[in-house]
Amino acid sequence: MRMKTSDEALALSAANGDREAFGLLIRRHYDRIYRMGWRLCGTQADAEDLAHDIMAALPAKLRSYRGDAKFTTWLYRVTMNAATDRARKAQRRMKAREGWGEDYKMRAAADAEAAESYDWLQRAMTSLPEELRETVALTLGEDMTQKEAAAVMGLSEGTIAWRMSEVKKHLRTLAEKEAM
């Protein structure tokens, strides 16, 4: 029965063109990719776009999956890389738009006002450096242990612990500034 087949075996089968295995992987992990995308991108629309982009690219990416790591570990890395690439593209587009006249400035001002309406925690999370945001997305958002997050990110547990300490410091500092 395919439902009991491991993710790793399904990924290897899907890499060899097994559509049923690919479909089962998608059903098992789409929500995980979407949730991670939401945490990394910050909006529902961006998370949906990211998840769809990953699903479209996954058949080709699976060909590089060797089965050395857990499939979910590999998939988290694929998701984080896709989110990083998406953010870089958005930054390049923003830079290209700068100087396009008053229309752009008005839209940027409207976007800034919309961003200010997010709750405190969302603002705090988006102000974190990317590597801290990724760490929080895995440890708190995906409820991973520091050891599991370290495996996904290819880092030591000590580095993950240090990053979480930095997140706490950052949040404390932000809360103190806003309280003034």
C-alpha atoms as a PDB file:
ATOM      1  CA  MET A   1       0.000   0.000   0.000  1.00  0.00           C
ATOM      2  CA  ARG A   2       1.489   3.327  -1.108  1.00  0.00           C
ATOM      3  CA  MET A   3       0.127   5.290   1.874  1.00  0.00           C
ATOM      4  CA  LYS A   4       2.626   3.461   4.127  1.00  0.00           C
ATOM      5  CA  THR A   5       5.547   3.970   1.752  1.00  0.00           C
ATOM      6  CA  SER A   6       8.236   6.247   3.153  1.00  0.00           C
ATOM      7  CA  ASP A   7       8.684   9.746   1.771  1.00  0.00           C
ATOM      8  CA  GLU A   8      12.205   8.861   0.780  1.00  0.00           C
ATOM      9  CA  ALA A   9      11.073   5.851  -1.300  1.00  0.00           C
ATOM     10  CA  LEU A  10       8.289   7.918  -2.884  1.00  0.00           C
ATOM     11  CA  ALA A  11      10.744  10.705  -3.739  1.00  0.00           C
ATOM     12  CA  LEU A  12      13.112   8.282  -5.440  1.00  0.00           C
ATOM     13  CA  SER A  13      10.215   6.723  -7.366  1.00  0.00           C
ATOM     14  CA  ALA A  14       8.893  10.144  -8.342  1.00  0.00           C
ATOM     15  CA  ALA A  15      12.376  11.136  -9.512  1.00  0.00           C
ATOM     16  CA  ASN A  16      12.193   8.189 -11.892  1.00  0.00           C
ATOM     17  CA  GLY A  17       8.880   9.364 -13.352  1.00  0.00           C
ATOM     18  CA  ASP A  18       6.337   7.639 -11.079  1.00  0.00           C
ATOM     19  CA  ARG A  19       3.388  10.063 -11.216  1.00  0.00           C
ATOM     20  CA  GLU A  20       1.447   8.291  -8.496  1.00  0.00           C
ATOM     21  CA  ALA A  21       4.409   8.615  -6.104  1.00  0.00           C
ATOM     22  CA  PHE A  22       4.759  12.286  -6.999  1.00  0.00           C
ATOM     23  CA  GLY A  23       1.049  12.897  -6.394  1.00  0.00           C
ATOM     24  CA  LEU A  24       1.228  11.233  -3.002  1.00  0.00           C
ATOM     25  CA  LEU A  25       4.255  13.334  -2.033  1.00  0.00           C
ATOM     26  CA  ILE A  26       2.361  16.476  -3.019  1.00  0.00           C
ATOM     27  CA  ARG A  27      -0.673  15.452  -0.973  1.00  0.00           C
ATOM     28  CA  ARG A  28       1.511  14.689   2.033  1.00  0.00           C
ATOM     29  CA  HIS A  29       3.647  17.827   1.955  1.00  0.00           C
ATOM     30  CA  TYR A  30       1.833  20.700   0.223  1.00  0.00           C
ATOM     31  CA  ASP A  31       0.537  22.101   3.518  1.00  0.00           C
ATOM     32  CA  ARG A  32       4.030  21.935   5.040  1.00  0.00           C
ATOM     33  CA  ILE A  33       5.497  23.879   2.100  1.00  0.00           C
ATOM     34  CA  TYR A  34       2.669  26.420   2.232  1.00  0.00           C
ATOM     35  CA  ARG A  35       3.045  26.989   6.016  1.00  0.00           C
ATOM     36  CA  MET A  36       6.790  27.391   5.708  1.00  0.00           C
ATOM     37  CA  GLY A  37       6.298  29.756   2.768  1.00  0.00           C
ATOM     38  CA  TRP A  38       3.870  31.879   4.790  1.00  0.00           C
ATOM     39  CA  ARG A  39       6.370  32.167   7.629  1.00  0.00           C
ATOM     40  CA  LEU A  40       9.210  33.088   5.304  1.00  0.00           C
ATOM     41  CA  CYS A  41       7.287  35.395   2.948  1.00  0.00           C
ATOM     42  CA  GLY A  42       4.844  36.944   5.399  1.00  0.00           C
ATOM     43  CA  THR A  43       1.709  36.988   3.240  1.00  0.00           C
ATOM     44  CA  GLN A  44      -0.833  34.429   2.128  1.00  0.00           C
ATOM     45  CA  ALA A  45      -0.555  35.399  -1.533  1.00  0.00           C
ATOM     46  CA  ASP A  46       3.237  35.119  -1.542  1.00  0.00           C
ATOM     47  CA  ALA A  47       3.056  31.796   0.307  1.00  0.00           C
ATOM     48  CA  GLU A  48       0.590  30.434  -2.252  1.00  0.00           C
ATOM     49  CA  ASP A  49       2.760  31.628  -5.141  1.00  0.00           C
ATOM     50  CA  LEU A  50       5.856  30.151  -3.534  1.00  0.00           C
ATOM     51  CA  ALA A  51       4.170  26.791  -2.905  1.00  0.00           C
ATOM     52  CA  HIS A  52       2.917  26.643  -6.497  1.00  0.00           C
ATOM     53  CA  ASP A  53       6.361  27.560  -7.834  1.00  0.00           C
ATOM     54  CA  ILE A  54       7.926  24.793  -5.755  1.00  0.00           C
ATOM     55  CA  MET A  55       5.324  22.251  -6.901  1.00  0.00           C
ATOM     56  CA  ALA A  56       5.993  23.165 -10.530  1.00  0.00           C
ATOM     57  CA  ALA A  57       9.761  22.844 -10.082  1.00  0.00           C
ATOM     58  CA  LEU A  58       9.660  19.765  -7.853  1.00  0.00           C
ATOM     59  CA  PRO A  59       9.700  17.100 -10.592  1.00  0.00           C
ATOM     60  CA  ALA A  60      13.005  18.438 -11.901  1.00  0.00           C
ATOM     61  CA  LYS A  61      14.400  19.047  -8.403  1.00  0.00           C
ATOM     62  CA  LEU A  62      13.572  15.490  -7.341  1.00  0.00           C
ATOM     63  CA  ARG A  63      16.125  14.237  -9.843  1.00  0.00           C
ATOM     64  CA  SER A  64      18.803  15.704  -7.555  1.00  0.00           C
ATOM     65  CA  TYR A  65      17.359  14.034  -4.434  1.00  0.00           C
ATOM     66  CA  ARG A  66      19.762  11.245  -3.483  1.00  0.00           C
ATOM     67  CA  GLY A  67      18.035   9.981  -0.343  1.00  0.00           C
ATOM     68  CA  ASP A  68      20.995  10.861   1.903  1.00  0.00           C
ATOM     69  CA  ALA A  69      18.781  12.992   4.164  1.00  0.00           C
ATOM     70  CA  LYS A  70      15.169  12.717   5.243  1.00  0.00           C
ATOM     71  CA  PHE A  71      12.893  13.883   2.477  1.00  0.00           C
ATOM     72  CA  THR A  72      11.340  16.533   4.739  1.00  0.00           C
ATOM     73  CA  THR A  73      14.796  17.921   5.561  1.00  0.00           C
ATOM     74  CA  TRP A  74      15.562  18.159   1.844  1.00  0.00           C
ATOM     75  CA  LEU A  75      12.131  19.692   1.151  1.00  0.00           C
ATOM     76  CA  TYR A  76      12.575  22.366   3.843  1.00  0.00           C
ATOM     77  CA  ARG A  77      15.890  23.331   2.238  1.00  0.00           C
ATOM     78  CA  VAL A  78      14.220  23.511  -1.203  1.00  0.00           C
ATOM     79  CA  THR A  79      11.503  25.721   0.290  1.00  0.00           C
ATOM     80  CA  MET A  80      13.960  28.023   2.068  1.00  0.00           C
ATOM     81  CA  ASN A  81      16.062  28.372  -1.078  1.00  0.00           C
ATOM     82  CA  ALA A  82      12.985  29.178  -3.159  1.00  0.00           C
ATOM     83  CA  ALA A  83      11.853  31.797  -0.621  1.00  0.00           C
ATOM     84  CA  THR A  84      15.316  33.365  -0.612  1.00  0.00           C
ATOM     85  CA  ASP A  85      15.378  33.465  -4.414  1.00  0.00           C
ATOM     86  CA  ARG A  86      11.899  35.003  -4.460  1.00  0.00           C
ATOM     87  CA  ALA A  87      12.947  37.697  -1.951  1.00  0.00           C
ATOM     88  CA  ARG A  88      16.024  38.541  -4.018  1.00  0.00           C
ATOM     89  CA  LYS A  89      13.929  38.886  -7.158  1.00  0.00           C
ATOM     90  CA  ALA A  90      11.489  41.130  -5.306  1.00  0.00           C
ATOM     91  CA  GLN A  91      14.363  43.319  -4.110  1.00  0.00           C
ATOM     92  CA  ARG A  92      15.703  43.615  -7.648  1.00  0.00           C
ATOM     93  CA  ARG A  93      12.237  44.575  -8.895  1.00  0.00           C
ATOM     94  CA  MET A  94      11.902  47.176  -6.124  1.00  0.00           C
ATOM     95  CA  LYS A  95      15.237  48.705  -7.054  1.00  0.00           C
ATOM     96  CA  ALA A  96      14.230  48.750 -10.714  1.00  0.00           C
ATOM     97  CA  ARG A  97      10.996  50.533  -9.837  1.00  0.00           C
ATOM     98  CA  GLU A  98      12.701  53.275  -7.857  1.00  0.00           C
ATOM     99  CA  GLY A  99      12.559  56.515  -9.722  1.00  0.00           C
ATOM    100  CA  TRP A 100       9.576  55.553 -11.862  1.00  0.00           C
ATOM    101  CA  GLY A 101       7.719  58.660 -10.870  1.00  0.00           C
ATOM    102  CA  GLU A 102       5.008  59.740  -8.517  1.00  0.00           C
ATOM    103  CA  ASP A 103       2.792  56.740  -9.213  1.00  0.00           C
ATOM    104  CA  TYR A 104       5.393  54.394  -7.810  1.00  0.00           C
ATOM    105  CA  LYS A 105       6.004  56.648  -4.812  1.00  0.00           C
ATOM    106  CA  MET A 106       2.275  56.728  -4.050  1.00  0.00           C
ATOM    107  CA  ARG A 107       2.047  52.925  -4.262  1.00  0.00           C
ATOM    108  CA  ALA A 108       5.139  52.558  -2.068  1.00  0.00           C
ATOM    109  CA  ALA A 109       3.576  54.889   0.508  1.00  0.00           C
ATOM    110  CA  ALA A 110       0.339  52.896   0.410  1.00  0.00           C
ATOM    111  CA  ASP A 111       2.319  49.670   0.827  1.00  0.00           C
ATOM    112  CA  ALA A 112       4.151  51.156   3.803  1.00  0.00           C
ATOM    113  CA  GLU A 113       0.837  52.113   5.431  1.00  0.00           C
ATOM    114  CA  ALA A 114      -0.521  48.607   4.847  1.00  0.00           C
ATOM    115  CA  ALA A 115       2.623  47.086   6.370  1.00  0.00           C
ATOM    116  CA  GLU A 116       2.163  49.192   9.512  1.00  0.00           C
ATOM    117  CA  SER A 117      -1.234  47.556  10.063  1.00  0.00           C
ATOM    118  CA  TYR A 118       0.342  44.141  10.726  1.00  0.00           C
ATOM    119  CA  ASP A 119       0.403  43.093  14.348  1.00  0.00           C
ATOM    120  CA  TRP A 120       3.487  43.571  16.508  1.00  0.00           C
ATOM    121  CA  LEU A 121       4.794  40.059  16.180  1.00  0.00           C
ATOM    122  CA  GLN A 122       4.618  40.039  12.394  1.00  0.00           C
ATOM    123  CA  ARG A 123       6.564  43.304  12.282  1.00  0.00           C
ATOM    124  CA  ALA A 124       9.101  41.923  14.699  1.00  0.00           C
ATOM    125  CA  MET A 125       9.557  38.738  12.679  1.00  0.00           C
ATOM    126  CA  THR A 126      10.029  40.542   9.395  1.00  0.00           C
ATOM    127  CA  SER A 127      12.620  42.823  10.958  1.00  0.00           C
ATOM    128  CA  LEU A 128      14.824  39.867  11.829  1.00  0.00           C
ATOM    129  CA  PRO A 129      17.769  39.072   9.586  1.00  0.00           C
ATOM    130  CA  GLU A 130      16.963  36.306   7.106  1.00  0.00           C
ATOM    131  CA  GLU A 131      18.957  33.592   8.867  1.00  0.00           C
ATOM    132  CA  LEU A 132      17.202  34.339  12.188  1.00  0.00           C
ATOM    133  CA  ARG A 133      13.788  34.382  10.483  1.00  0.00           C
ATOM    134  CA  GLU A 134      14.524  31.001   8.884  1.00  0.00           C
ATOM    135  CA  THR A 135      15.620  29.612  12.244  1.00  0.00           C
ATOM    136  CA  VAL A 136      12.441  30.842  13.953  1.00  0.00           C
ATOM    137  CA  ALA A 137      10.281  29.510  11.109  1.00  0.00           C
ATOM    138  CA  LEU A 138      11.705  26.044  11.641  1.00  0.00           C
ATOM    139  CA  THR A 139      11.990  25.903  15.435  1.00  0.00           C
ATOM    140  CA  LEU A 140       8.797  27.708  16.406  1.00  0.00           C
ATOM    141  CA  GLY A 141       6.710  27.658  13.267  1.00  0.00           C
ATOM    142  CA  GLU A 142       7.369  24.029  12.341  1.00  0.00           C
ATOM    143  CA  ASP A 143       7.868  22.954  15.971  1.00  0.00           C
ATOM    144  CA  MET A 144      11.254  21.420  15.249  1.00  0.00           C
ATOM    145  CA  THR A 145      13.886  20.743  17.854  1.00  0.00           C
ATOM    146  CA  GLN A 146      17.103  22.675  17.545  1.00  0.00           C
ATOM    147  CA  LYS A 147      18.753  19.444  16.394  1.00  0.00           C
ATOM    148  CA  GLU A 148      16.189  18.990  13.597  1.00  0.00           C
ATOM    149  CA  ALA A 149      16.488  22.635  12.523  1.00  0.00           C
ATOM    150  CA  ALA A 150      20.272  22.297  12.526  1.00  0.00           C
ATOM    151  CA  ALA A 151      20.008  19.290  10.191  1.00  0.00           C
ATOM    152  CA  VAL A 152      17.713  21.157   7.792  1.00  0.00           C
ATOM    153  CA  MET A 153      19.952  24.219   7.717  1.00  0.00           C
ATOM    154  CA  GLY A 154      23.239  22.334   7.696  1.00  0.00           C
ATOM    155  CA  LEU A 155      24.400  24.017  10.911  1.00  0.00           C
ATOM    156  CA  SER A 156      25.362  22.913  14.417  1.00  0.00           C
ATOM    157  CA  GLU A 157      22.862  22.796  17.256  1.00  0.00           C
ATOM    158  CA  GLY A 158      24.968  25.439  19.021  1.00  0.00           C
ATOM    159  CA  THR A 159      24.501  27.823  16.112  1.00  0.00           C
ATOM    160  CA  ILE A 160      20.729  27.301  16.221  1.00  0.00           C
ATOM    161  CA  ALA A 161      20.719  27.922  19.991  1.00  0.00           C
ATOM    162  CA  TRP A 162      22.776  31.102  19.507  1.00  0.00           C
ATOM    163  CA  ARG A 163      20.418  32.304  16.768  1.00  0.00           C
ATOM    164  CA  MET A 164      17.388  31.771  19.011  1.00  0.00           C
ATOM    165  CA  SER A 165      19.157  33.758  21.724  1.00  0.00           C
ATOM    166  CA  GLU A 166      19.707  36.563  19.190  1.00  0.00           C
ATOM    167  CA  VAL A 167      16.008  36.450  18.265  1.00  0.00           C
ATOM    168  CA  LYS A 168      15.051  36.914  21.921  1.00  0.00           C
ATOM    169  CA  LYS A 169      17.443  39.864  22.267  1.00  0.00           C
ATOM    170  CA  HIS A 170      16.076  41.457  19.111  1.00  0.00           C
ATOM    171  CA  LEU A 171      12.464  41.082  20.250  1.00  0.00           C
ATOM    172  CA  ARG A 172      13.265  42.499  23.696  1.00  0.00           C
ATOM    173  CA  THR A 173      15.025  45.511  22.169  1.00  0.00           C
ATOM    174  CA  LEU A 174      12.148  46.147  19.782  1.00  0.00           C
ATOM    175  CA  ALA A 175       9.570  45.919  22.564  1.00  0.00           C
ATOM    176  CA  GLU A 176      11.579  48.340  24.722  1.00  0.00           C
ATOM    177  CA  LYS A 177      11.872  50.871  21.886  1.00  0.00           C
ATOM    178  CA  GLU A 178       8.147  50.736  21.181  1.00  0.00           C
ATOM    179  CA  ALA A 179       7.324  51.116  24.881  1.00  0.00           C
ATOM    180  CA  MET A 180       9.166  54.452  25.033  1.00  0.00           C
END
